[in-house]
Protein backbone atom coordinates (compact mmCIF):
# COMPACT_ATOMS: atom_id res chain seq x y z
CA MET A 1 160.86 93.65 106.89
CA ASN A 2 159.43 90.49 107.93
CA GLN A 3 156.61 89.49 105.26
CA SER A 4 154.23 88.34 108.20
CA LYS A 5 154.81 91.61 110.04
CA VAL A 6 153.56 93.67 106.72
CA LEU A 7 150.48 91.49 106.68
CA LEU A 8 149.84 92.44 110.34
CA GLN A 9 150.47 96.24 109.48
CA TYR A 10 147.67 96.00 106.77
CA VAL A 11 145.11 94.34 108.91
CA GLN A 12 145.64 96.79 111.73
CA HIS A 13 145.59 99.91 109.21
CA PHE A 14 142.38 98.23 107.53
CA PHE A 15 140.31 98.55 110.69
CA GLN A 16 141.91 101.49 112.60
CA GLY A 17 142.27 103.62 109.76
CA TYR A 18 140.62 102.54 106.30
CA LEU A 19 137.24 101.27 107.49
CA THR A 20 136.76 103.75 110.31
CA GLN A 21 138.53 107.20 109.19
CA THR A 22 138.45 106.69 105.24
CA ARG A 23 135.13 104.94 104.67
CA GLY A 24 133.18 106.19 107.62
CA LEU A 25 131.58 102.85 108.21
CA SER A 26 129.41 101.91 111.47
CA PRO A 27 130.91 100.26 114.26
CA ASN A 28 128.62 97.28 113.76
CA THR A 29 129.75 96.77 109.91
CA VAL A 30 133.41 97.22 111.28
CA LEU A 31 132.53 94.09 113.68
CA ALA A 32 130.81 91.99 110.78
CA TYR A 33 134.08 92.65 108.72
CA ARG A 34 136.38 91.69 111.41
CA ASP A 35 134.57 88.51 112.13
CA ALA A 36 134.66 87.70 108.40
CA LEU A 37 138.67 88.25 108.17
CA LYS A 38 139.29 86.86 111.50
CA LEU A 39 137.54 83.42 110.33
CA PHE A 40 139.20 83.71 107.02
CA LEU A 41 142.80 84.09 108.76
CA LEU A 42 142.24 81.37 111.15
CA PHE A 43 141.18 78.96 107.59
CA VAL A 44 144.45 80.00 105.94
CA SER A 45 146.45 79.16 108.86
CA ASN A 46 145.00 75.72 109.00
CA PHE A 47 144.87 75.20 104.93
CA ARG A 48 148.65 76.25 105.25
CA ASN A 49 149.65 74.64 108.15
CA LYS A 50 151.20 77.32 109.82
CA SER A 51 150.38 79.76 112.48
CA VAL A 52 148.45 83.14 111.87
CA SER A 53 151.60 85.05 112.89
CA ARG A 54 153.54 83.28 110.04
CA LEU A 55 151.23 84.02 107.27
CA VAL A 56 152.15 86.21 104.56
CA LEU A 57 150.63 87.96 101.46
CA GLU A 58 151.46 85.60 99.28
CA ASP A 59 149.22 83.06 101.39
CA LEU A 60 146.08 85.03 100.58
CA ASP A 61 145.24 84.10 96.94
CA ALA A 62 141.95 83.44 95.09
CA ASP A 63 142.11 79.63 95.51
CA THR A 64 142.56 79.97 99.23
CA VAL A 65 139.27 82.35 99.17
CA LEU A 66 137.53 79.85 97.17
CA ALA A 67 138.40 77.13 99.64
CA PHE A 68 137.53 79.22 102.28
CA LEU A 69 133.99 79.57 100.90
CA LYS A 70 133.66 76.12 100.45
CA GLU A 71 134.61 75.49 103.93
CA ILE A 72 132.20 77.63 105.46
CA GLU A 73 129.33 76.52 103.29
CA GLN A 74 130.03 72.55 103.59
CA GLN A 75 131.37 72.33 107.16
CA ARG A 76 129.90 75.54 108.95
CA LYS A 77 126.64 75.14 107.08
CA ASN A 78 126.37 78.27 106.28
CA SER A 79 123.67 79.55 103.83
CA ALA A 80 124.71 81.36 100.54
CA VAL A 81 123.70 84.92 101.96
CA THR A 82 126.17 84.40 104.72
CA ARG A 83 128.64 83.16 102.49
CA ASN A 84 128.37 86.31 100.29
CA LEU A 85 128.56 88.51 103.08
CA ARG A 86 131.99 87.15 104.00
CA LEU A 87 132.90 87.17 100.73
CA ALA A 88 131.96 91.06 100.41
CA ALA A 89 133.94 91.52 103.43
CA LEU A 90 137.03 89.90 102.01
CA LYS A 91 136.40 91.97 98.81
CA THR A 92 136.56 95.18 100.63
CA PHE A 93 140.00 94.04 102.25
CA PHE A 94 141.52 93.29 99.37
CA SER A 95 140.33 96.11 97.47
CA TYR A 96 142.17 98.09 100.25
CA LEU A 97 145.26 95.83 99.58
CA ILE A 98 145.43 96.86 95.75
CA THR A 99 145.85 100.66 97.09
CA GLN A 100 148.80 99.43 99.43
CA ASP A 101 150.77 96.60 97.59
CA THR A 102 150.85 97.24 93.70
CA LEU A 103 153.27 94.49 93.27
CA ARG A 104 150.41 91.87 94.08
CA VAL A 105 147.44 93.59 92.22
CA GLY A 106 146.91 90.77 89.79
CA GLN A 107 146.63 88.30 92.95
CA TYR A 108 144.21 90.74 94.89
CA GLN A 109 141.87 91.06 91.66
CA LYS A 110 141.32 87.84 91.08
CA VAL A 111 139.95 87.48 94.45
CA ILE A 112 137.70 90.44 93.91
CA SER A 113 136.60 89.04 90.61
CA ILE A 114 134.88 85.91 92.43
CA PRO A 115 131.19 85.90 91.88
CA LEU A 116 128.63 86.13 94.41
CA LYS A 117 126.62 83.03 94.64
CA ARG A 118 122.72 83.06 93.64
CA ALA A 119 120.70 82.94 96.98
CA ALA A 120 116.86 82.48 96.83
CA LYS A 121 115.24 85.44 98.38
CA PRO A 122 112.99 84.40 100.96
CA LEU A 123 109.13 86.18 101.14
CA MET A 124 109.39 89.38 102.84
CA GLY A 125 107.15 88.74 106.27
CA TYR A 126 105.05 92.02 107.63
CA LEU A 127 102.48 92.23 110.22
CA ASP A 128 98.62 92.73 109.67
CA VAL A 129 97.28 95.79 111.41
CA LYS A 130 94.89 93.71 113.83
CA GLU A 131 98.57 92.18 114.63
CA ILE A 132 100.07 95.38 115.39
CA LYS A 133 97.10 96.12 117.76
CA ALA A 134 97.28 92.63 119.58
CA ILE A 135 100.95 92.65 120.09
CA LEU A 136 100.56 96.45 121.61
CA SER A 137 97.16 95.53 123.79
CA ALA A 138 99.04 92.49 125.30
CA ILE A 139 101.73 94.72 127.02
CA ASN A 140 101.25 95.68 130.80
CA ARG A 141 101.77 99.22 130.78
CA LYS A 142 101.65 99.43 134.51
CA THR A 143 105.35 98.23 134.78
CA SER A 144 108.22 100.28 133.79
CA SER A 145 109.56 97.77 131.37
CA GLY A 146 105.89 97.52 130.04
CA GLN A 147 105.76 101.24 129.21
CA ARG A 148 109.13 101.06 127.46
CA ASP A 149 108.44 98.11 125.37
CA TYR A 150 105.15 99.85 124.40
CA VAL A 151 106.60 103.08 123.39
CA LEU A 152 109.72 101.12 121.43
CA LEU A 153 107.32 98.87 119.50
CA GLN A 154 105.01 102.07 118.72
CA PHE A 155 108.19 103.82 117.73
CA LEU A 156 109.52 101.23 115.37
CA TYR A 157 105.87 100.67 113.46
CA ASN A 158 105.41 104.68 113.30
CA THR A 159 109.01 105.14 111.97
CA GLY A 160 110.14 101.87 110.22
CA ALA A 161 113.49 102.52 111.93
CA ARG A 162 116.26 99.90 111.88
CA VAL A 163 116.88 97.94 114.72
CA GLN A 164 120.24 100.13 115.59
CA GLU A 165 118.81 103.19 114.84
CA ALA A 166 116.49 102.54 117.64
CA CYS A 167 119.31 101.67 120.05
CA ASP A 168 121.18 104.78 119.22
CA LEU A 169 118.45 107.12 119.82
CA SER A 170 119.20 110.19 122.34
CA VAL A 171 116.42 112.51 123.65
CA GLY A 172 117.91 115.14 121.76
CA THR A 173 117.11 113.60 118.32
CA PHE A 174 113.25 114.45 119.04
CA GLN A 175 110.98 116.99 118.44
CA LEU A 176 107.83 116.35 120.50
CA GLN A 177 105.84 119.61 119.94
CA ASP A 178 103.88 120.35 117.13
CA PRO A 179 104.82 119.01 114.42
CA PRO A 180 106.74 116.16 116.27
CA TRP A 181 109.34 114.32 114.45
CA VAL A 182 112.80 112.20 115.12
CA THR A 183 116.26 112.79 113.48
CA ILE A 184 117.35 109.24 112.53
CA THR A 185 121.04 108.25 111.50
CA GLY A 186 121.08 105.52 109.39
CA LYS A 187 123.36 103.58 107.38
CA GLY A 188 126.44 105.27 106.10
CA ARG A 189 125.91 108.04 108.63
CA LYS A 190 122.75 109.59 106.26
CA ILE A 191 120.48 111.66 108.27
CA ARG A 192 116.58 111.51 107.83
CA GLN A 193 113.76 113.02 109.53
CA VAL A 194 110.69 111.10 110.03
CA PRO A 195 107.46 112.39 111.11
CA LEU A 196 105.42 111.13 114.56
CA TRP A 197 101.83 110.44 114.80
CA PRO A 198 100.55 112.53 117.45
CA GLU A 199 100.17 109.55 119.72
CA THR A 200 103.59 108.15 119.18
CA ALA A 201 104.82 111.99 120.52
CA SER A 202 102.86 111.86 123.64
CA LEU A 203 103.84 108.37 124.40
CA LEU A 204 107.29 109.43 124.55
CA LYS A 205 106.69 112.64 125.90
CA THR A 206 105.03 110.89 129.05
CA TYR A 207 107.82 107.98 128.86
CA LEU A 208 110.78 110.51 128.94
CA ALA A 209 109.19 112.34 131.59
CA ASN A 210 108.78 109.73 133.89
CA ARG A 211 112.41 108.71 133.38
CA ALA A 212 113.17 112.59 134.27
CA ILE A 213 115.28 112.91 131.25
CA LEU A 214 112.93 115.32 129.03
CA ASP A 215 115.80 118.18 129.41
CA LYS A 216 118.92 115.76 129.10
CA PRO A 217 119.38 115.69 125.18
CA GLU A 218 122.38 113.21 125.42
CA ALA A 219 120.50 110.71 127.63
CA LYS A 220 119.51 107.18 125.51
CA VAL A 221 115.83 106.50 125.00
CA PHE A 222 115.60 103.13 125.28
CA VAL A 223 117.82 101.38 128.08
CA ASN A 224 117.72 98.27 129.97
CA SER A 225 117.16 97.55 133.81
CA ARG A 226 120.88 98.50 134.52
CA GLY A 227 120.38 101.95 132.30
CA GLU A 228 122.46 100.83 129.41
CA SER A 229 121.27 101.29 125.79
CA LEU A 230 119.21 98.36 124.58
CA THR A 231 121.19 96.21 122.09
CA ARG A 232 119.87 94.85 118.64
CA PHE A 233 119.86 91.46 120.66
CA GLY A 234 117.96 93.05 123.38
CA ILE A 235 115.31 94.41 121.34
CA GLY A 236 114.84 91.33 119.57
CA HIS A 237 114.31 89.77 122.99
CA ILE A 238 111.78 92.03 124.02
CA ILE A 239 109.82 91.54 120.47
CA GLN A 240 109.52 87.85 120.86
CA THR A 241 108.68 88.11 124.39
CA ARG A 242 105.69 90.42 123.44
CA ILE A 243 104.66 88.07 120.47
CA ALA A 244 104.66 85.11 122.73
CA GLN A 245 102.08 86.98 124.99
CA ALA A 246 99.92 88.29 122.31
CA THR A 247 99.72 84.71 120.40
CA SER A 248 96.68 83.41 122.69
CA GLN A 249 94.54 86.38 121.27
CA CYS A 250 95.85 86.53 118.06
CA PRO A 251 96.81 82.83 116.64
CA SER A 252 98.03 84.28 113.14
CA LEU A 253 101.35 85.55 115.29
CA ALA A 254 102.08 81.75 115.66
CA ALA A 255 102.88 81.00 112.14
CA LYS A 256 104.92 84.20 111.59
CA LYS A 257 108.79 84.83 112.29
CA VAL A 258 108.69 88.24 113.76
CA SER A 259 112.01 90.36 114.02
CA PRO A 260 112.89 94.09 114.57
CA HIS A 261 113.03 94.18 110.67
CA THR A 262 109.56 92.86 110.65
CA PHE A 263 108.24 95.93 112.07
CA ARG A 264 110.46 97.77 109.16
CA HIS A 265 108.52 95.99 106.82
CA THR A 266 105.17 96.23 108.44
CA THR A 267 105.57 100.21 108.29
CA ALA A 268 106.25 100.35 104.59
CA MET A 269 103.59 97.94 103.51
CA HIS A 270 100.94 99.62 105.46
CA LEU A 271 102.10 103.12 104.04
CA LEU A 272 102.25 101.79 100.66
CA GLN A 273 98.27 100.40 101.14
CA ALA A 274 97.53 103.77 102.39
CA GLY A 275 98.29 105.17 99.13
CA VAL A 276 101.60 107.25 100.14
CA ASP A 277 104.19 107.82 97.14
CA LEU A 278 106.95 105.27 97.00
CA THR A 279 109.40 108.15 96.83
CA VAL A 280 108.12 109.42 100.32
CA ILE A 281 108.55 105.89 101.61
CA LYS A 282 111.94 105.77 100.28
CA SER A 283 112.75 108.84 102.46
CA TRP A 284 110.68 107.60 105.08
CA LEU A 285 112.79 104.29 105.43
CA GLY A 286 116.19 105.85 104.52
CA HIS A 287 116.71 103.76 101.28
CA VAL A 288 119.39 104.83 98.90
CA SER A 289 117.63 103.23 95.67
CA LEU A 290 114.06 103.51 94.95
CA SER A 291 114.64 100.11 93.51
CA THR A 292 115.14 98.95 97.12
CA THR A 293 111.50 100.60 97.96
CA HIS A 294 109.84 98.97 95.26
CA ILE A 295 109.99 95.38 96.42
CA TYR A 296 106.85 96.15 98.72
CA VAL A 297 104.91 96.77 95.81
CA GLU A 298 105.62 93.22 94.69
CA ILE A 299 104.96 91.19 97.61
CA ASP A 300 101.72 92.93 98.15
CA LEU A 301 99.09 90.30 97.22
CA GLU A 302 95.95 92.49 97.66
CA MET A 303 97.38 95.65 95.22
CA LYS A 304 98.34 92.49 92.39
CA ARG A 305 94.56 91.07 92.69
CA LYS A 306 93.65 95.01 92.36
CA ALA A 307 95.86 95.58 89.32
CA LEU A 308 94.37 92.27 87.73
CA SER A 309 90.61 93.23 88.11
CA LEU A 310 91.96 96.67 86.15
CA CYS A 311 93.28 94.64 83.48
CA ARG A 312 90.16 92.84 83.15
CA SER A 313 88.07 95.73 82.98
CA MET A 314 90.15 97.22 79.74
CA GLY A 315 88.10 95.70 77.25
CA LYS A 316 87.23 98.77 75.27
CA SER A 317 90.20 100.85 73.91
CA ALA A 318 88.00 104.20 75.46
CA GLU A 319 88.26 102.78 78.88
CA LEU A 320 92.25 102.36 78.24
CA LYS A 321 92.96 105.79 76.97
CA ARG A 322 90.58 107.13 80.21
CA LEU A 323 92.68 105.30 82.35
CA ILE A 324 95.91 106.21 81.15
CA LYS A 325 94.68 110.17 81.03
CA LYS A 326 93.42 109.62 84.87
CA ASN A 327 97.05 108.29 85.93
CA HIS A 328 99.20 110.39 83.62
CA ASP A 329 101.49 111.28 86.16
CA VAL A 330 102.21 107.54 87.15
CA ILE A 331 102.44 106.41 83.51
CA SER A 332 104.99 109.13 83.02
CA TRP A 333 107.25 108.16 85.64
CA LEU A 334 106.79 104.54 84.73
CA SER A 335 108.46 105.58 81.34
CA LEU A 336 111.53 106.76 83.38
CA VAL A 337 112.08 103.77 85.13
């Protein structure tokens, strides 16, 4: 068989069978992988001076991948984070090729061995309670879009849902009778149930009743003016619009870069500051690892100041023993970390 056709078959099965059926990845993840591989193959075509349709498996080696990564950083001005995301997608593809083409395992393994580049982690931003209140109070709830946006932002703050999780919500995922909760399908098709505050449940019930979809479990909850589900970009636009409206009343918002994910961070931080256990917050947000949740402890300066004041008060050994005894469960937990 023509070697270029073999490559095409592998690419087709990678997307149509492996990613969706074998791995069960979300449509958004598949699209991200598609964009990365498309960009890579176009680069290889130019790098090898041949059309994409004539590329063969031998053209896809580690040196070419490294040249591609250099290209997207220097010419396309991609950040180290974006570069690492592209590389992660390519590693998934080459890992798949290992299972299909044993003759070139060594070639593919060299690509998989390419290390990710260290990237500085930006300081995670979140909103204060007064800023959340300012954003919500600035929304005109007399309009249909205002009603939707108010419920949407209240929901994001209550649940800490990812933006795509909010886009995918249908009426049937909600239990609005006492006790109210919502079933959220997150990354990797993982399902979690998140409690709703009474005011959130009341807002949702009124909103869904006004749209006459309370008895339609398959109906999407958050839609645009055409009745189509809001997209991630649509929700991002809504947030930017509402932030701009609230800035005059709350100037501190002007200095913050707020995205849908900022609401997720805000939920986590406010739960943590309210004394909610980390393991509960982990389940609330749908984190796979507790280490992911622990980053919120590290960015809370107020908690660091409180910890510092405790350290200063430990002048006597008796006080230290009393503190350890009082927090025995926490100390035991820390010993296991």
